[in-house]
């Protein structure tokens, strides 16, 4: 077997490189945007989107939620962690 190593990368201090601070701020906002966007898409697909799967719709007592709606709900839940970190940091600041 061969040993694979990653090259070392020098990170800049945010005070010396203002572009890093901007990129970090943009990444934070994008992380916060994911959960509400996926939640809105889940609602949209539940009410106006794809039809339930034909095999599942034929079953008695089937759910009106399509697999796409379920996928978007799960994606919204998985991307909720930045919101939890923001809420936690705000709560820590207020103490």
PDB file of N, CA and C in Angstrom:
ATOM      1  N   UNK A   1       0.839  -1.179   0.000  1.00  0.00           N
ATOM      2  CA  UNK A   1       0.000   0.000   0.000  1.00  0.00           C
ATOM      3  C   UNK A   1       0.876   1.232   0.000  1.00  0.00           C
ATOM      4  N   UNK A   2       0.363   2.278  -0.601  1.00  0.00           N
ATOM      5  CA  UNK A   2       1.099   3.539  -0.616  1.00  0.00           C
ATOM      6  C   UNK A   2       0.496   4.484   0.408  1.00  0.00           C
ATOM      7  N   UNK A   3       1.339   5.286   0.990  1.00  0.00           N
ATOM      8  CA  UNK A   3       0.893   6.273   1.971  1.00  0.00           C
ATOM      9  C   UNK A   3       0.546   7.566   1.239  1.00  0.00           C
ATOM     10  N   UNK A   4      -0.689   8.018   1.414  1.00  0.00           N
ATOM     11  CA  UNK A   4      -1.141   9.240   0.766  1.00  0.00           C
ATOM     12  C   UNK A   4      -1.228  10.332   1.823  1.00  0.00           C
ATOM     13  N   UNK A   5      -0.582  11.437   1.567  1.00  0.00           N
ATOM     14  CA  UNK A   5      -0.656  12.553   2.512  1.00  0.00           C
ATOM     15  C   UNK A   5      -1.129  13.796   1.782  1.00  0.00           C
ATOM     16  N   UNK A   6      -1.829  14.633   2.526  1.00  0.00           N
ATOM     17  CA  UNK A   6      -2.341  15.878   1.970  1.00  0.00           C
ATOM     18  C   UNK A   6      -1.265  16.950   2.067  1.00  0.00           C
ATOM     19  N   UNK A   7      -1.139  17.803   1.065  1.00  0.00           N
ATOM     20  CA  UNK A   7      -0.160  18.889   1.150  1.00  0.00           C
ATOM     21  C   UNK A   7      -0.586  19.888   2.219  1.00  0.00           C
ATOM     22  N   UNK A   8       0.393  20.504   2.843  1.00  0.00           N
ATOM     23  CA  UNK A   8       0.062  21.489   3.867  1.00  0.00           C
ATOM     24  C   UNK A   8      -0.407  22.781   3.200  1.00  0.00           C
ATOM     25  N   UNK A   9      -1.397  23.401   3.819  1.00  0.00           N
ATOM     26  CA  UNK A   9      -1.969  24.634   3.292  1.00  0.00           C
ATOM     27  C   UNK A   9      -1.815  25.710   4.348  1.00  0.00           C
ATOM     28  N   UNK A  10      -1.319  26.855   3.960  1.00  0.00           N
ATOM     29  CA  UNK A  10      -1.171  27.972   4.891  1.00  0.00           C
ATOM     30  C   UNK A  10      -2.451  28.797   4.858  1.00  0.00           C
ATOM     31  N   UNK A  11      -3.072  28.952   6.014  1.00  0.00           N
ATOM     32  CA  UNK A  11      -4.276  29.755   6.119  1.00  0.00           C
ATOM     33  C   UNK A  11      -3.909  31.168   6.537  1.00  0.00           C
ATOM     34  N   UNK A  12      -4.614  32.123   5.981  1.00  0.00           N
ATOM     35  CA  UNK A  12      -4.355  33.528   6.301  1.00  0.00           C
ATOM     36  C   UNK A  12      -5.175  33.937   7.505  1.00  0.00           C
ATOM     37  N   UNK A  13      -4.648  34.871   8.254  1.00  0.00           N
ATOM     38  CA  UNK A  13      -5.389  35.462   9.357  1.00  0.00           C
ATOM     39  C   UNK A  13      -6.433  36.409   8.761  1.00  0.00           C
ATOM     40  N   UNK A  14      -7.663  36.404   9.302  1.00  0.00           N
ATOM     41  CA  UNK A  14      -8.740  37.243   8.760  1.00  0.00           C
ATOM     42  C   UNK A  14      -8.407  38.725   8.874  1.00  0.00           C
ATOM     43  N   UNK A  15      -7.554  39.094   9.847  1.00  0.00           N
ATOM     44  CA  UNK A  15      -7.191  40.505  10.000  1.00  0.00           C
ATOM     45  C   UNK A  15      -6.243  40.974   8.901  1.00  0.00           C
ATOM     46  N   UNK A  16      -5.417  40.077   8.388  1.00  0.00           N
ATOM     47  CA  UNK A  16      -4.453  40.469   7.365  1.00  0.00           C
ATOM     48  C   UNK A  16      -4.999  40.301   5.958  1.00  0.00           C
ATOM     49  N   UNK A  17      -6.035  39.525   5.792  1.00  0.00           N
ATOM     50  CA  UNK A  17      -6.599  39.270   4.461  1.00  0.00           C
ATOM     51  C   UNK A  17      -8.105  39.505   4.502  1.00  0.00           C
ATOM     52  N   UNK A  18      -8.592  40.706   4.143  1.00  0.00           N
ATOM     53  CA  UNK A  18     -10.016  41.004   4.248  1.00  0.00           C
ATOM     54  C   UNK A  18     -10.894  40.135   3.359  1.00  0.00           C
ATOM     55  N   UNK A  19     -10.354  39.600   2.274  1.00  0.00           N
ATOM     56  CA  UNK A  19     -11.148  38.732   1.409  1.00  0.00           C
ATOM     57  C   UNK A  19     -11.566  37.456   2.105  1.00  0.00           C
ATOM     58  N   UNK A  20     -10.731  36.957   3.021  1.00  0.00           N
ATOM     59  CA  UNK A  20     -11.090  35.760   3.771  1.00  0.00           C
ATOM     60  C   UNK A  20     -12.280  36.011   4.684  1.00  0.00           C
ATOM     61  N   UNK A  21     -12.320  37.204   5.281  1.00  0.00           N
ATOM     62  CA  UNK A  21     -13.432  37.550   6.157  1.00  0.00           C
ATOM     63  C   UNK A  21     -14.735  37.621   5.353  1.00  0.00           C
ATOM     64  N   UNK A  22     -14.667  38.180   4.159  1.00  0.00           N
ATOM     65  CA  UNK A  22     -15.838  38.279   3.300  1.00  0.00           C
ATOM     66  C   UNK A  22     -16.320  36.898   2.885  1.00  0.00           C
ATOM     67  N   UNK A  23     -15.392  36.039   2.493  1.00  0.00           N
ATOM     68  CA  UNK A  23     -15.761  34.680   2.090  1.00  0.00           C
ATOM     69  C   UNK A  23     -16.348  33.907   3.260  1.00  0.00           C
ATOM     70  N   UNK A  24     -15.800  34.089   4.443  1.00  0.00           N
ATOM     71  CA  UNK A  24     -16.311  33.414   5.633  1.00  0.00           C
ATOM     72  C   UNK A  24     -17.725  33.894   5.958  1.00  0.00           C
ATOM     73  N   UNK A  25     -17.949  35.200   5.849  1.00  0.00           N
ATOM     74  CA  UNK A  25     -19.284  35.741   6.092  1.00  0.00           C
ATOM     75  C   UNK A  25     -20.305  35.243   5.085  1.00  0.00           C
ATOM     76  N   UNK A  26     -19.896  35.168   3.821  1.00  0.00           N
ATOM     77  CA  UNK A  26     -20.782  34.653   2.780  1.00  0.00           C
ATOM     78  C   UNK A  26     -21.110  33.189   3.022  1.00  0.00           C
ATOM     79  N   UNK A  27     -20.117  32.408   3.413  1.00  0.00           N
ATOM     80  CA  UNK A  27     -20.346  30.984   3.697  1.00  0.00           C
ATOM     81  C   UNK A  27     -21.312  30.813   4.867  1.00  0.00           C
ATOM     82  N   UNK A  28     -21.202  31.685   5.869  1.00  0.00           N
ATOM     83  CA  UNK A  28     -22.112  31.617   7.016  1.00  0.00           C
ATOM     84  C   UNK A  28     -23.551  31.895   6.590  1.00  0.00           C
ATOM     85  N   UNK A  29     -23.727  32.920   5.755  1.00  0.00           N
ATOM     86  CA  UNK A  29     -25.078  33.236   5.287  1.00  0.00           C
ATOM     87  C   UNK A  29     -25.646  32.139   4.398  1.00  0.00           C
ATOM     88  N   UNK A  30     -24.807  31.538   3.562  1.00  0.00           N
ATOM     89  CA  UNK A  30     -25.284  30.440   2.718  1.00  0.00           C
ATOM     90  C   UNK A  30     -25.686  29.238   3.560  1.00  0.00           C
ATOM     91  N   UNK A  31     -24.930  28.970   4.607  1.00  0.00           N
ATOM     92  CA  UNK A  31     -25.274  27.860   5.496  1.00  0.00           C
ATOM     93  C   UNK A  31     -26.616  28.107   6.183  1.00  0.00           C
ATOM     94  N   UNK A  32     -26.875  29.361   6.559  1.00  0.00           N
ATOM     95  CA  UNK A  32     -28.150  29.688   7.193  1.00  0.00           C
ATOM     96  C   UNK A  32     -29.307  29.672   6.197  1.00  0.00           C
ATOM     97  N   UNK A  33     -29.026  29.903   4.941  1.00  0.00           N
ATOM     98  CA  UNK A  33     -30.087  29.947   3.930  1.00  0.00           C
ATOM     99  C   UNK A  33     -30.585  28.565   3.534  1.00  0.00           C
ATOM    100  N   UNK A  34     -29.786  27.532   3.729  1.00  0.00           N
ATOM    101  CA  UNK A  34     -30.141  26.202   3.219  1.00  0.00           C
ATOM    102  C   UNK A  34     -31.413  25.649   3.850  1.00  0.00           C
ATOM    103  N   UNK A  35     -31.523  25.657   5.173  1.00  0.00           N
ATOM    104  CA  UNK A  35     -32.673  25.043   5.842  1.00  0.00           C
ATOM    105  C   UNK A  35     -34.001  25.693   5.453  1.00  0.00           C
ATOM    106  N   UNK A  36     -34.135  27.035   5.489  1.00  0.00           N
ATOM    107  CA  UNK A  36     -35.416  27.616   5.097  1.00  0.00           C
ATOM    108  C   UNK A  36     -35.755  27.396   3.624  1.00  0.00           C
ATOM    109  N   UNK A  37     -34.749  27.404   2.777  1.00  0.00           N
ATOM    110  CA  UNK A  37     -35.018  27.179   1.351  1.00  0.00           C
ATOM    111  C   UNK A  37     -35.519  25.764   1.121  1.00  0.00           C
ATOM    112  N   UNK A  38     -34.853  24.780   1.729  1.00  0.00           N
ATOM    113  CA  UNK A  38     -35.322  23.403   1.571  1.00  0.00           C
ATOM    114  C   UNK A  38     -36.700  23.210   2.202  1.00  0.00           C
ATOM    115  N   UNK A  39     -36.975  23.902   3.315  1.00  0.00           N
ATOM    116  CA  UNK A  39     -38.304  23.833   3.917  1.00  0.00           C
ATOM    117  C   UNK A  39     -39.371  24.400   2.999  1.00  0.00           C
ATOM    118  N   UNK A  40     -39.063  25.524   2.352  1.00  0.00           N
ATOM    119  CA  UNK A  40     -40.019  26.121   1.414  1.00  0.00           C
ATOM    120  C   UNK A  40     -40.246  25.215   0.207  1.00  0.00           C
ATOM    121  N   UNK A  41     -39.187  24.603  -0.290  1.00  0.00           N
ATOM    122  CA  UNK A  41     -39.330  23.675  -1.423  1.00  0.00           C
ATOM    123  C   UNK A  41     -40.163  22.473  -1.009  1.00  0.00           C
ATOM    124  N   UNK A  42     -39.974  21.993   0.224  1.00  0.00           N
ATOM    125  CA  UNK A  42     -40.780  20.853   0.705  1.00  0.00           C
ATOM    126  C   UNK A  42     -42.251  21.222   0.745  1.00  0.00           C
ATOM    127  N   UNK A  43     -42.570  22.420   1.255  1.00  0.00           N
ATOM    128  CA  UNK A  43     -43.969  22.858   1.275  1.00  0.00           C
ATOM    129  C   UNK A  43     -44.522  23.012  -0.135  1.00  0.00           C
ATOM    130  N   UNK A  44     -43.717  23.604  -1.009  1.00  0.00           N
ATOM    131  CA  UNK A  44     -44.158  23.794  -2.392  1.00  0.00           C
ATOM    132  C   UNK A  44     -44.443  22.447  -3.067  1.00  0.00           C
ATOM    133  N   UNK A  45     -43.539  21.492  -2.897  1.00  0.00           N
ATOM    134  CA  UNK A  45     -43.742  20.193  -3.553  1.00  0.00           C
ATOM    135  C   UNK A  45     -44.893  19.423  -2.920  1.00  0.00           C
ATOM    136  N   UNK A  46     -45.174  19.665  -1.629  1.00  0.00           N
ATOM    137  CA  UNK A  46     -46.297  18.982  -0.984  1.00  0.00           C
ATOM    138  C   UNK A  46     -47.636  19.497  -1.509  1.00  0.00           C
ATOM    139  N   UNK A  47     -47.720  20.812  -1.729  1.00  0.00           N
ATOM    140  CA  UNK A  47     -49.003  21.384  -2.135  1.00  0.00           C
ATOM    141  C   UNK A  47     -49.166  21.576  -3.641  1.00  0.00           C
ATOM    142  N   UNK A  48     -48.085  21.868  -4.345  1.00  0.00           N
ATOM    143  CA  UNK A  48     -48.204  22.193  -5.762  1.00  0.00           C
ATOM    144  C   UNK A  48     -47.334  21.321  -6.656  1.00  0.00           C
ATOM    145  N   UNK A  49     -46.546  20.471  -6.071  1.00  0.00           N
ATOM    146  CA  UNK A  49     -45.527  19.769  -6.840  1.00  0.00           C
ATOM    147  C   UNK A  49     -45.958  18.423  -7.365  1.00  0.00           C
ATOM    148  N   UNK A  50     -45.021  17.522  -7.321  1.00  0.00           N
ATOM    149  CA  UNK A  50     -45.156  16.200  -7.920  1.00  0.00           C
ATOM    150  C   UNK A  50     -46.283  15.399  -7.278  1.00  0.00           C
ATOM    151  N   UNK A  51     -46.841  14.544  -8.090  1.00  0.00           N
ATOM    152  CA  UNK A  51     -47.880  13.629  -7.623  1.00  0.00           C
ATOM    153  C   UNK A  51     -47.248  12.527  -6.790  1.00  0.00           C
ATOM    154  N   UNK A  52     -47.997  11.960  -5.846  1.00  0.00           N
ATOM    155  CA  UNK A  52     -47.448  10.836  -5.091  1.00  0.00           C
ATOM    156  C   UNK A  52     -47.079   9.688  -6.030  1.00  0.00           C
ATOM    157  N   UNK A  53     -46.121   8.903  -5.613  1.00  0.00           N
ATOM    158  CA  UNK A  53     -45.697   7.768  -6.426  1.00  0.00           C
ATOM    159  C   UNK A  53     -46.893   6.882  -6.754  1.00  0.00           C
ATOM    160  N   UNK A  54     -46.948   6.434  -7.986  1.00  0.00           N
ATOM    161  CA  UNK A  54     -48.103   5.659  -8.448  1.00  0.00           C
ATOM    162  C   UNK A  54     -48.267   4.348  -7.673  1.00  0.00           C
ATOM    163  N   UNK A  55     -47.191   3.676  -7.369  1.00  0.00           N
ATOM    164  CA  UNK A  55     -47.293   2.426  -6.623  1.00  0.00           C
ATOM    165  C   UNK A  55     -47.820   2.675  -5.215  1.00  0.00           C
ATOM    166  N   UNK A  56     -47.346   3.743  -4.600  1.00  0.00           N
ATOM    167  CA  UNK A  56     -47.782   4.050  -3.235  1.00  0.00           C
ATOM    168  C   UNK A  56     -49.197   4.610  -3.218  1.00  0.00           C
ATOM    169  N   UNK A  57     -49.567   5.370  -4.239  1.00  0.00           N
ATOM    170  CA  UNK A  57     -50.897   5.970  -4.285  1.00  0.00           C
ATOM    171  C   UNK A  57     -51.980   4.919  -4.436  1.00  0.00           C
ATOM    172  N   UNK A  58     -51.641   3.790  -5.040  1.00  0.00           N
ATOM    173  CA  UNK A  58     -52.631   2.735  -5.234  1.00  0.00           C
ATOM    174  C   UNK A  58     -52.919   1.988  -3.938  1.00  0.00           C
ATOM    175  N   UNK A  59     -52.053   2.105  -2.970  1.00  0.00           N
ATOM    176  CA  UNK A  59     -52.242   1.420  -1.696  1.00  0.00           C
ATOM    177  C   UNK A  59     -53.293   2.141  -0.869  1.00  0.00           C
ATOM    178  N   UNK A  60     -54.055   1.383  -0.121  1.00  0.00           N
ATOM    179  CA  UNK A  60     -55.086   1.964   0.720  1.00  0.00           C
ATOM    180  C   UNK A  60     -54.426   2.667   1.908  1.00  0.00           C
ATOM    181  N   UNK A  61     -54.849   3.881   2.201  1.00  0.00           N
ATOM    182  CA  UNK A  61     -54.295   4.635   3.316  1.00  0.00           C
ATOM    183  C   UNK A  61     -52.909   5.185   3.044  1.00  0.00           C
ATOM    184  N   UNK A  62     -52.600   5.416   1.772  1.00  0.00           N
ATOM    185  CA  UNK A  62     -51.265   5.919   1.437  1.00  0.00           C
ATOM    186  C   UNK A  62     -51.142   7.395   1.813  1.00  0.00           C
ATOM    187  N   UNK A  63     -49.926   7.833   1.989  1.00  0.00           N
ATOM    188  CA  UNK A  63     -49.643   9.212   2.375  1.00  0.00           C
ATOM    189  C   UNK A  63     -49.649  10.111   1.139  1.00  0.00           C
ATOM    190  N   UNK A  64     -50.186  11.326   1.258  1.00  0.00           N
ATOM    191  CA  UNK A  64     -50.160  12.248   0.120  1.00  0.00           C
ATOM    192  C   UNK A  64     -48.786  12.877  -0.097  1.00  0.00           C
ATOM    193  N   UNK A  65     -47.847  12.633   0.816  1.00  0.00           N
ATOM    194  CA  UNK A  65     -46.514  13.215   0.684  1.00  0.00           C
ATOM    195  C   UNK A  65     -45.700  12.401  -0.307  1.00  0.00           C
ATOM    196  N   UNK A  66     -45.165  13.075  -1.314  1.00  0.00           N
ATOM    197  CA  UNK A  66     -44.352  12.388  -2.312  1.00  0.00           C
ATOM    198  C   UNK A  66     -42.947  12.160  -1.764  1.00  0.00           C
ATOM    199  N   UNK A  67     -42.192  11.346  -2.457  1.00  0.00           N
ATOM    200  CA  UNK A  67     -40.819  11.077  -2.025  1.00  0.00           C
ATOM    201  C   UNK A  67     -39.958  12.336  -2.124  1.00  0.00           C
ATOM    202  N   UNK A  68     -40.269  13.225  -3.072  1.00  0.00           N
ATOM    203  CA  UNK A  68     -39.515  14.476  -3.195  1.00  0.00           C
ATOM    204  C   UNK A  68     -39.768  15.381  -1.988  1.00  0.00           C
ATOM    205  N   UNK A  69     -41.009  15.439  -1.521  1.00  0.00           N
ATOM    206  CA  UNK A  69     -41.326  16.240  -0.340  1.00  0.00           C
ATOM    207  C   UNK A  69     -40.571  15.711   0.866  1.00  0.00           C
ATOM    208  N   UNK A  70     -40.550  14.404   1.031  1.00  0.00           N
ATOM    209  CA  UNK A  70     -39.827  13.789   2.133  1.00  0.00           C
ATOM    210  C   UNK A  70     -38.328  14.084   2.034  1.00  0.00           C
ATOM    211  N   UNK A  71     -37.782  14.018   0.831  1.00  0.00           N
ATOM    212  CA  UNK A  71     -36.370  14.306   0.646  1.00  0.00           C
ATOM    213  C   UNK A  71     -36.058  15.752   1.044  1.00  0.00           C
ATOM    214  N   UNK A  72     -36.880  16.711   0.614  1.00  0.00           N
ATOM    215  CA  UNK A  72     -36.634  18.110   0.955  1.00  0.00           C
ATOM    216  C   UNK A  72     -36.805  18.368   2.448  1.00  0.00           C
ATOM    217  N   UNK A  73     -37.749  17.689   3.094  1.00  0.00           N
ATOM    218  CA  UNK A  73     -37.892  17.820   4.539  1.00  0.00           C
ATOM    219  C   UNK A  73     -36.644  17.314   5.255  1.00  0.00           C
ATOM    220  N   UNK A  74     -36.138  16.179   4.814  1.00  0.00           N
ATOM    221  CA  UNK A  74     -34.929  15.627   5.427  1.00  0.00           C
ATOM    222  C   UNK A  74     -33.736  16.548   5.194  1.00  0.00           C
ATOM    223  N   UNK A  75     -33.607  17.108   4.005  1.00  0.00           N
ATOM    224  CA  UNK A  75     -32.507  18.028   3.723  1.00  0.00           C
ATOM    225  C   UNK A  75     -32.604  19.271   4.598  1.00  0.00           C
ATOM    226  N   UNK A  76     -33.816  19.753   4.839  1.00  0.00           N
ATOM    227  CA  UNK A  76     -34.011  20.912   5.701  1.00  0.00           C
ATOM    228  C   UNK A  76     -33.574  20.596   7.129  1.00  0.00           C
ATOM    229  N   UNK A  77     -33.926  19.412   7.618  1.00  0.00           N
ATOM    230  CA  UNK A  77     -33.532  19.014   8.972  1.00  0.00           C
ATOM    231  C   UNK A  77     -32.017  18.864   9.066  1.00  0.00           C
ATOM    232  N   UNK A  78     -31.393  18.248   8.071  1.00  0.00           N
ATOM    233  CA  UNK A  78     -29.948  18.046   8.101  1.00  0.00           C
ATOM    234  C   UNK A  78     -29.178  19.361   8.012  1.00  0.00           C
ATOM    235  N   UNK A  79     -29.757  20.370   7.391  1.00  0.00           N
ATOM    236  CA  UNK A  79     -29.083  21.662   7.251  1.00  0.00           C
ATOM    237  C   UNK A  79     -29.497  22.651   8.341  1.00  0.00           C
ATOM    238  N   UNK A  80     -30.119  22.174   9.393  1.00  0.00           N
ATOM    239  CA  UNK A  80     -30.574  23.041  10.471  1.00  0.00           C
ATOM    240  C   UNK A  80     -29.481  23.323  11.501  1.00  0.00           C
ATOM    241  N   UNK A  81     -28.364  22.622  11.452  1.00  0.00           N
ATOM    242  CA  UNK A  81     -27.317  22.787  12.466  1.00  0.00           C
ATOM    243  C   UNK A  81     -26.736  24.211  12.521  1.00  0.00           C
ATOM    244  N   UNK A  82     -26.548  24.939  11.406  1.00  0.00           N
ATOM    245  CA  UNK A  82     -26.075  26.328  11.548  1.00  0.00           C
ATOM    246  C   UNK A  82     -27.048  27.201  12.345  1.00  0.00           C
ATOM    247  N   UNK A  83     -28.331  26.938  12.220  1.00  0.00           N
ATOM    248  CA  UNK A  83     -29.315  27.688  12.990  1.00  0.00           C
ATOM    249  C   UNK A  83     -29.185  27.373  14.471  1.00  0.00           C
ATOM    250  N   UNK A  84     -28.952  26.108  14.805  1.00  0.00           N
ATOM    251  CA  UNK A  84     -28.776  25.737  16.202  1.00  0.00           C
ATOM    252  C   UNK A  84     -27.532  26.396  16.791  1.00  0.00           C
ATOM    253  N   UNK A  85     -26.448  26.451  16.002  1.00  0.00           N
ATOM    254  CA  UNK A  85     -25.230  27.121  16.466  1.00  0.00           C
ATOM    255  C   UNK A  85     -25.470  28.616  16.670  1.00  0.00           C
ATOM    256  N   UNK A  86     -26.217  29.247  15.765  1.00  0.00           N
ATOM    257  CA  UNK A  86     -26.522  30.673  15.889  1.00  0.00           C
ATOM    258  C   UNK A  86     -27.367  30.937  17.132  1.00  0.00           C
ATOM    259  N   UNK A  87     -28.390  30.124  17.351  1.00  0.00           N
ATOM    260  CA  UNK A  87     -29.252  30.285  18.524  1.00  0.00           C
ATOM    261  C   UNK A  87     -28.450  30.071  19.795  1.00  0.00           C
ATOM    262  N   UNK A  88     -27.592  29.075  19.799  1.00  0.00           N
ATOM    263  CA  UNK A  88     -26.765  28.791  20.973  1.00  0.00           C
ATOM    264  C   UNK A  88     -25.802  29.941  21.262  1.00  0.00           C
ATOM    265  N   UNK A  89     -25.182  30.501  20.217  1.00  0.00           N
ATOM    266  CA  UNK A  89     -24.252  31.606  20.440  1.00  0.00           C
ATOM    267  C   UNK A  89     -24.971  32.861  20.921  1.00  0.00           C
ATOM    268  N   UNK A  90     -26.191  33.099  20.428  1.00  0.00           N
ATOM    269  CA  UNK A  90     -26.964  34.254  20.872  1.00  0.00           C
ATOM    270  C   UNK A  90     -27.372  34.082  22.326  1.00  0.00           C
ATOM    271  N   UNK A  91     -27.718  32.859  22.702  1.00  0.00           N
ATOM    272  CA  UNK A  91     -28.119  32.584  24.080  1.00  0.00           C
ATOM    273  C   UNK A  91     -26.922  32.753  25.011  1.00  0.00           C
ATOM    274  N   UNK A  92     -25.726  32.316  24.568  1.00  0.00           N
ATOM    275  CA  UNK A  92     -24.507  32.471  25.376  1.00  0.00           C
ATOM    276  C   UNK A  92     -24.139  33.929  25.554  1.00  0.00           C
ATOM    277  N   UNK A  93     -24.354  34.749  24.534  1.00  0.00           N
ATOM    278  CA  UNK A  93     -24.038  36.186  24.626  1.00  0.00           C
ATOM    279  C   UNK A  93     -24.956  36.910  25.591  1.00  0.00           C
ATOM    280  N   UNK A  94     -26.219  36.460  25.673  1.00  0.00           N
ATOM    281  CA  UNK A  94     -27.189  37.159  26.515  1.00  0.00           C
ATOM    282  C   UNK A  94     -26.983  36.837  27.996  1.00  0.00           C
ATOM    283  N   UNK A  95     -26.217  35.802  28.297  1.00  0.00           N
ATOM    284  CA  UNK A  95     -25.988  35.446  29.705  1.00  0.00           C
ATOM    285  C   UNK A  95     -24.904  36.236  30.313  1.00  0.00           C
TER     286      UNK A  95
END
